[in-house]
Each structure stands twice: as C-alpha cells, then as structure tokens.
Amino acid sequence: MHRRTSIISVAAMMLLGLGTASAADFNMKFASYAPEGDVMDLAAQDFSKRLADLTKGRAKVNVFRNSTLGSNREVIEMAKVGSVDFLMAGATHVSRFVPDLIALTFPYMFKDQKTMFKVLDGSVGKKLGVLANGKGLEVLGWWASGERHVTNNRQPILKPEDIKGLKLRTLPSPVHVTFFKKLGVIPTPMGWKGVMPALQQGVIDGQENPPAVVYPYKVYEFQKYYSLTAHVIEPTMFVMSKMILDGLPGDVRGAIRKAANGATSYERGIADDFNEDMLSKLRGVMKVNDVPLKTRLHFQSVAQSIYPESYNKLSKDGQGIVDAIIAANK
C-alpha cells in the first residue's frame, strides 16, 4: 500500500553500483488541481521538500498537477481507499463526504479570512477534523484560497439587478445554488474541468472564483468583467488518506504532520500577496470593479436569509459549528 522499496531491490542496486541516494522507502502521490506556479502548487512543493528533508529522503512526494489524477471528487474517493496519499480540495468538494463542512461555505459566513482561520485553528477545526477522520480522511491543514468574486460577459455588477439572469457556474453545493437562485441567477454547478470550455462556447455567462484561480487559468480570455462580490471565503483543505497514514511508522507520521504544519504556515504567509498580485494582473486584462457597499449588504442579507433553511443539511454538530462561526464574527 505504501509502495515501500523492497530490500532485495535496494541490494540489487548496490550490487550494480547504482547506489541508493535517490531511493525512497515511501513513494507518495499528491493529487493537485493547481497548475505550476499557483499558490497551492507552491505549497504542495514546499510540503514535499519539507517531508523529504525531515525523513532524510525516506519519504518522497510526487505532486501531480492540473487534476491529472482525477477530479476533486475522484481523488477524494481515491484517498478514502488508499489509492492517493495526499490531496487538496475546497471544503465544498470535501463536504460531499463530510456534510458538516458545508457550514464553512455558507455565503458571507466569515467576515474575513483572519476570522476563518481563528475558527479553524480552534475547537471547530478539531471537530471537523474528527468528522473527516471518520470518513477516512485526515485533515493536515487549512489553506487560504482567497475571496471568491464573480466574472461574467454581460456587464459589471454594481446593483442587485445586474446579477439577475446570469447563467453562472457555481460550486457543487445546495447552499450556493439556493443563494444564487435567490439573487435571480441561473446557477449551473459543474466540475472545474468543464468550466473553461463552457465559458468559451457561451454555455454559461460566468463563474465565481478568487484571483488566484481566475488569472492562472486565463479565465479572462473568455470573460470581460470581474466584480469583487467577496461572497465566499472558503478554505482549501490539505488532506491525507487515513488508511495510508495509519499504516506508516510513527516517525514518518510525525514527520508528515510537522511538514504539513510548516507548509500550512508557508501557504498562509504567501496567499494574500499572491491573490493581490493576480488581481493586479487581472486589472490589465479585464474590467475589474468594486461592488458598492449597498449592493454587498443586499447580497449578505439574502445569504443570511437562507441559513436557517440550510440547517437541515447539517447534523447537530454542523449547526453548532455555524453558531460558533457567527459568534466569532462579532
């Protein structure tokens, strides 16, 4: 399961004079949706290097970029059965397997990213980690994705009515679908792989993502307007297969956790600047606009109106998590 290099193979290499400097006892796969140079990719590479250093080369992590190992849903399923060691995915995607994670993805749930991490680094994050563990997933870190904003080809969003009628790709979350429907949008949940072709062919009018996604994926090639709605601050989850982790020696498990903590600090330290840099670049290729406070307050009011009806998608633990987040925002 852990792809351990056999003693016989190592001995054979030594006899052949090939040496063992590059041999690893544990060769691991990291499934990443991010392209090369993306902030998430930089964090994944940082983790790989830290783990190799901490284990003196015994553990090697190969990062597979651009969803080459499968979609978010596919690689999460693979991790559950031990076919993939590590992955990164937005909380919305992981919520398909750990429903109470939906609490983190309610529109306008967090007032800012600082508050989000205060919640996730405390008892709420630990509780969600336990719930994920029960589904075969080990949460190694909560990473910063940035604020999600809306792109479209019709017009800038300045007034509430400007968003009405837009056929918008949304996250595959019932809460998000309900929210956008209430705004008069035609929500179209779909996996990321299908988004760019759909934008190019005009199947959808727009999508919503942080600058760290919009610029690297060249969404601007098919979209004219980027309106800073900041409707969701969703964490990206750095996850490991519990099945794999449980089967590793204690020292390797400890090194993985230490490397993960270091990579998490690194990612959070560079994410804001990365998003700002991407937003600056987007201002040169798209019409980027701030959304007036009055409009954002309207969107927030609509979001808060759907919280109670969304509670039925959560367990009692999930409802407690929502209450804890709301309290942390005050």
Foldseek 3Di string as FASTA:
>chain_A
DQPADDPVNQVVCVVVVNHCQQPARGEAEEEELADPPFLVNVLVVLLQVLLCVLVVNNYGYDYDYNRPVHFLLVVVVCLQVVNHFKYKAWLLSCCVQQVLSVLQWQWPLFVDVVLVVVLLVDPLVVVSQVSVVVSQKHFLAWFWFDFKWKFFAPDEDAALCVQAAFAEEEAPDPNVCQLSVLSNYNYDHDTPVCPQVCLVVVVGGIYMGFLSCCQVVVVLVRTAEIERLSGHGIIMTIIGGNVVLVPDDPSSNVSSSVSSVVSRVVSRVCVVVSRVVSVVVVVVRHVYDYHDPVRSVVSVVSSVVCVVVCCVSDDPSSVVSSVVSVVSND
